[in-house]
Amino acid sequence: MRLRTIIIGLCVITGLYFLFDSLSQPNPNTLSGNFTEVAMYRNPNNTGPVVRIFAVTVEDTLWEEMRQYGEMMPYTKYGTTTVFFFRAGEAYPREIRESDPYFDQTFQSACLGRYHKDAMANATLTRYPFSQEKDQ
């Protein structure tokens, strides 16, 4: 009887630990900057590379937070994930297209950054991707 109680107690403690650990993982809501997804495109191709493109608003140019946000976005091996960041409260695209240019060119000057993860899982964050002087 005592052994059974110990085993049940260990199972409950282990279950609670796993529950707490899974619920306390970082996610986009835990990042500062108030990231809000405003547009998204995903190609309908389920047999080849998956292409995901997001437009996201952010309250400030927090470059490391933008990189972390990009890392948290869905990614499929041999696919690509691209996230365009725009300042909250300013102009941003409400629709994303499949090919370049991914959104109306009038929004390019408002783009703060572009996170891109390519087919080989190499990730880059480009600051002001549409300006003449690019800062990586």
C-alpha atoms as a PDB file:
ATOM      1  CA  MET A   1       0.000   0.000   0.000  1.00  0.00           C
ATOM      2  CA  ARG A   2       2.809   2.435   0.911  1.00  0.00           C
ATOM      3  CA  LEU A   3       4.745   1.672  -2.298  1.00  0.00           C
ATOM      4  CA  ARG A   4       1.596   2.233  -4.341  1.00  0.00           C
ATOM      5  CA  THR A   5       1.093   5.667  -2.686  1.00  0.00           C
ATOM      6  CA  ILE A   6       4.700   6.651  -3.409  1.00  0.00           C
ATOM      7  CA  ILE A   7       4.396   5.619  -7.068  1.00  0.00           C
ATOM      8  CA  ILE A   8       1.114   7.499  -7.495  1.00  0.00           C
ATOM      9  CA  GLY A   9       2.636  10.542  -5.789  1.00  0.00           C
ATOM     10  CA  LEU A  10       5.674  10.473  -8.105  1.00  0.00           C
ATOM     11  CA  CYS A  11       3.409  10.158 -11.145  1.00  0.00           C
ATOM     12  CA  VAL A  12       1.310  13.147 -10.025  1.00  0.00           C
ATOM     13  CA  ILE A  13       4.428  15.256  -9.328  1.00  0.00           C
ATOM     14  CA  THR A  14       5.933  14.303 -12.707  1.00  0.00           C
ATOM     15  CA  GLY A  15       2.668  15.101 -14.482  1.00  0.00           C
ATOM     16  CA  LEU A  16       2.435  18.495 -12.770  1.00  0.00           C
ATOM     17  CA  TYR A  17       6.047  19.258 -13.704  1.00  0.00           C
ATOM     18  CA  PHE A  18       5.403  18.433 -17.380  1.00  0.00           C
ATOM     19  CA  LEU A  19       2.217  20.509 -17.361  1.00  0.00           C
ATOM     20  CA  PHE A  20       3.974  23.517 -15.808  1.00  0.00           C
ATOM     21  CA  ASP A  21       6.953  23.184 -18.145  1.00  0.00           C
ATOM     22  CA  SER A  22       4.793  23.027 -21.273  1.00  0.00           C
ATOM     23  CA  LEU A  23       2.637  25.989 -20.211  1.00  0.00           C
ATOM     24  CA  SER A  24       5.604  28.188 -19.271  1.00  0.00           C
ATOM     25  CA  GLN A  25       7.452  27.945 -22.606  1.00  0.00           C
ATOM     26  CA  PRO A  26       8.246  31.259 -24.295  1.00  0.00           C
ATOM     27  CA  ASN A  27       5.815  32.331 -27.004  1.00  0.00           C
ATOM     28  CA  PRO A  28       5.200  35.497 -29.030  1.00  0.00           C
ATOM     29  CA  ASN A  29       2.967  36.866 -26.259  1.00  0.00           C
ATOM     30  CA  THR A  30       5.844  36.754 -23.760  1.00  0.00           C
ATOM     31  CA  LEU A  31       8.062  38.999 -25.907  1.00  0.00           C
ATOM     32  CA  SER A  32       8.118  42.736 -25.300  1.00  0.00           C
ATOM     33  CA  GLY A  33       7.069  44.817 -28.280  1.00  0.00           C
ATOM     34  CA  ASN A  34       3.418  43.764 -28.528  1.00  0.00           C
ATOM     35  CA  PHE A  35       3.764  41.779 -31.775  1.00  0.00           C
ATOM     36  CA  THR A  36       0.529  41.482 -33.761  1.00  0.00           C
ATOM     37  CA  GLU A  37       0.151  39.382 -36.902  1.00  0.00           C
ATOM     38  CA  VAL A  38      -1.799  41.469 -39.437  1.00  0.00           C
ATOM     39  CA  ALA A  39      -1.447  39.429 -42.650  1.00  0.00           C
ATOM     40  CA  MET A  40      -0.309  35.942 -43.601  1.00  0.00           C
ATOM     41  CA  TYR A  41       0.204  33.822 -46.697  1.00  0.00           C
ATOM     42  CA  ARG A  42       0.817  30.067 -46.898  1.00  0.00           C
ATOM     43  CA  ASN A  43       1.003  28.297 -50.211  1.00  0.00           C
ATOM     44  CA  PRO A  44      -1.510  25.472 -50.692  1.00  0.00           C
ATOM     45  CA  ASN A  45       1.217  23.034 -51.783  1.00  0.00           C
ATOM     46  CA  ASN A  46       1.368  20.182 -49.281  1.00  0.00           C
ATOM     47  CA  THR A  47       3.656  17.972 -51.373  1.00  0.00           C
ATOM     48  CA  GLY A  48       6.563  20.381 -51.866  1.00  0.00           C
ATOM     49  CA  PRO A  49       8.236  23.224 -50.012  1.00  0.00           C
ATOM     50  CA  VAL A  50       5.904  25.167 -47.745  1.00  0.00           C
ATOM     51  CA  VAL A  51       6.158  28.941 -48.130  1.00  0.00           C
ATOM     52  CA  ARG A  52       4.979  31.095 -45.228  1.00  0.00           C
ATOM     53  CA  ILE A  53       5.014  34.899 -45.319  1.00  0.00           C
ATOM     54  CA  PHE A  54       3.835  37.077 -42.440  1.00  0.00           C
ATOM     55  CA  ALA A  55       3.293  40.801 -41.878  1.00  0.00           C
ATOM     56  CA  VAL A  56       3.587  41.748 -38.208  1.00  0.00           C
ATOM     57  CA  THR A  57       3.304  45.039 -36.338  1.00  0.00           C
ATOM     58  CA  VAL A  58       5.597  45.860 -33.431  1.00  0.00           C
ATOM     59  CA  GLU A  59       5.712  48.843 -31.079  1.00  0.00           C
ATOM     60  CA  ASP A  60       9.475  49.444 -31.234  1.00  0.00           C
ATOM     61  CA  THR A  61      12.588  48.410 -33.164  1.00  0.00           C
ATOM     62  CA  LEU A  62      13.626  45.667 -30.775  1.00  0.00           C
ATOM     63  CA  TRP A  63      15.916  43.746 -33.105  1.00  0.00           C
ATOM     64  CA  GLU A  64      16.650  40.808 -30.804  1.00  0.00           C
ATOM     65  CA  GLU A  65      12.941  40.460 -29.993  1.00  0.00           C
ATOM     66  CA  MET A  66      12.188  40.463 -33.735  1.00  0.00           C
ATOM     67  CA  ARG A  67      14.719  37.691 -34.259  1.00  0.00           C
ATOM     68  CA  GLN A  68      13.162  35.677 -31.420  1.00  0.00           C
ATOM     69  CA  TYR A  69       9.685  36.248 -32.843  1.00  0.00           C
ATOM     70  CA  GLY A  70      10.849  34.976 -36.230  1.00  0.00           C
ATOM     71  CA  GLU A  71      12.350  31.880 -34.593  1.00  0.00           C
ATOM     72  CA  MET A  72       8.981  31.151 -32.966  1.00  0.00           C
ATOM     73  CA  MET A  73       7.076  31.240 -36.248  1.00  0.00           C
ATOM     74  CA  PRO A  74       6.170  27.957 -37.975  1.00  0.00           C
ATOM     75  CA  TYR A  75       8.864  26.491 -40.191  1.00  0.00           C
ATOM     76  CA  THR A  76       8.879  23.363 -42.340  1.00  0.00           C
ATOM     77  CA  LYS A  77      12.074  21.606 -43.380  1.00  0.00           C
ATOM     78  CA  TYR A  78      12.998  22.633 -46.953  1.00  0.00           C
ATOM     79  CA  GLY A  79      10.347  25.373 -46.819  1.00  0.00           C
ATOM     80  CA  THR A  80      10.750  29.077 -46.116  1.00  0.00           C
ATOM     81  CA  THR A  81       9.387  31.439 -43.500  1.00  0.00           C
ATOM     82  CA  THR A  82       9.536  35.200 -43.980  1.00  0.00           C
ATOM     83  CA  VAL A  83       8.303  37.813 -41.505  1.00  0.00           C
ATOM     84  CA  PHE A  84       8.044  41.512 -42.385  1.00  0.00           C
ATOM     85  CA  PHE A  85       7.901  43.878 -39.389  1.00  0.00           C
ATOM     86  CA  PHE A  86       6.036  47.198 -39.391  1.00  0.00           C
ATOM     87  CA  ARG A  87       5.632  49.815 -36.658  1.00  0.00           C
ATOM     88  CA  ALA A  88       2.300  49.580 -34.839  1.00  0.00           C
ATOM     89  CA  GLY A  89       0.005  52.506 -35.532  1.00  0.00           C
ATOM     90  CA  GLU A  90       1.522  53.204 -38.948  1.00  0.00           C
ATOM     91  CA  ALA A  91       0.755  51.908 -42.440  1.00  0.00           C
ATOM     92  CA  TYR A  92       1.105  48.170 -43.013  1.00  0.00           C
ATOM     93  CA  PRO A  93      -0.128  45.721 -45.683  1.00  0.00           C
ATOM     94  CA  ARG A  94      -3.357  43.903 -45.008  1.00  0.00           C
ATOM     95  CA  GLU A  95      -2.716  41.338 -47.733  1.00  0.00           C
ATOM     96  CA  ILE A  96       0.360  39.263 -48.585  1.00  0.00           C
ATOM     97  CA  ARG A  97       1.022  37.767 -52.020  1.00  0.00           C
ATOM     98  CA  GLU A  98       2.894  34.606 -52.950  1.00  0.00           C
ATOM     99  CA  SER A  99       5.736  36.204 -54.914  1.00  0.00           C
ATOM    100  CA  ASP A 100       7.974  39.242 -54.708  1.00  0.00           C
ATOM    101  CA  PRO A 101       6.858  41.964 -54.177  1.00  0.00           C
ATOM    102  CA  TYR A 102       4.897  40.305 -51.394  1.00  0.00           C
ATOM    103  CA  PHE A 103       2.868  43.432 -50.685  1.00  0.00           C
ATOM    104  CA  ASP A 104       2.162  46.817 -52.276  1.00  0.00           C
ATOM    105  CA  GLN A 105       5.364  48.795 -52.748  1.00  0.00           C
ATOM    106  CA  THR A 106       3.884  51.809 -50.940  1.00  0.00           C
ATOM    107  CA  PHE A 107       4.467  49.924 -47.677  1.00  0.00           C
ATOM    108  CA  GLN A 108       8.156  49.237 -48.317  1.00  0.00           C
ATOM    109  CA  SER A 109       9.319  52.468 -46.681  1.00  0.00           C
ATOM    110  CA  ALA A 110       7.370  51.535 -43.525  1.00  0.00           C
ATOM    111  CA  CYS A 111       9.034  48.105 -43.222  1.00  0.00           C
ATOM    112  CA  LEU A 112      11.338  47.985 -40.174  1.00  0.00           C
ATOM    113  CA  GLY A 113      12.817  44.560 -40.726  1.00  0.00           C
ATOM    114  CA  ARG A 114      12.625  41.239 -42.502  1.00  0.00           C
ATOM    115  CA  TYR A 115      13.285  37.902 -40.848  1.00  0.00           C
ATOM    116  CA  HIS A 116      13.884  35.076 -43.324  1.00  0.00           C
ATOM    117  CA  LYS A 117      14.548  31.388 -42.705  1.00  0.00           C
ATOM    118  CA  ASP A 118      15.493  29.601 -45.917  1.00  0.00           C
ATOM    119  CA  ALA A 119      15.199  25.989 -47.054  1.00  0.00           C
ATOM    120  CA  MET A 120      18.443  25.070 -45.279  1.00  0.00           C
ATOM    121  CA  ALA A 121      17.226  26.650 -41.990  1.00  0.00           C
ATOM    122  CA  ASN A 122      19.641  29.593 -42.252  1.00  0.00           C
ATOM    123  CA  ALA A 123      17.989  32.566 -40.566  1.00  0.00           C
ATOM    124  CA  THR A 124      18.706  36.242 -41.205  1.00  0.00           C
ATOM    125  CA  LEU A 125      17.223  39.451 -39.867  1.00  0.00           C
ATOM    126  CA  THR A 126      17.613  42.398 -42.223  1.00  0.00           C
ATOM    127  CA  ARG A 127      17.061  45.849 -40.746  1.00  0.00           C
ATOM    128  CA  TYR A 128      15.193  48.260 -43.032  1.00  0.00           C
ATOM    129  CA  PRO A 129      15.238  45.795 -45.969  1.00  0.00           C
ATOM    130  CA  PHE A 130      13.906  48.233 -48.554  1.00  0.00           C
ATOM    131  CA  SER A 131      16.139  51.201 -47.735  1.00  0.00           C
ATOM    132  CA  GLN A 132      19.295  52.006 -49.682  1.00  0.00           C
ATOM    133  CA  GLU A 133      21.539  51.304 -46.679  1.00  0.00           C
ATOM    134  CA  LYS A 134      20.910  47.813 -45.331  1.00  0.00           C
ATOM    135  CA  ASP A 135      22.085  46.901 -41.851  1.00  0.00           C
ATOM    136  CA  GLN A 136      22.256  43.188 -41.033  1.00  0.00           C
END
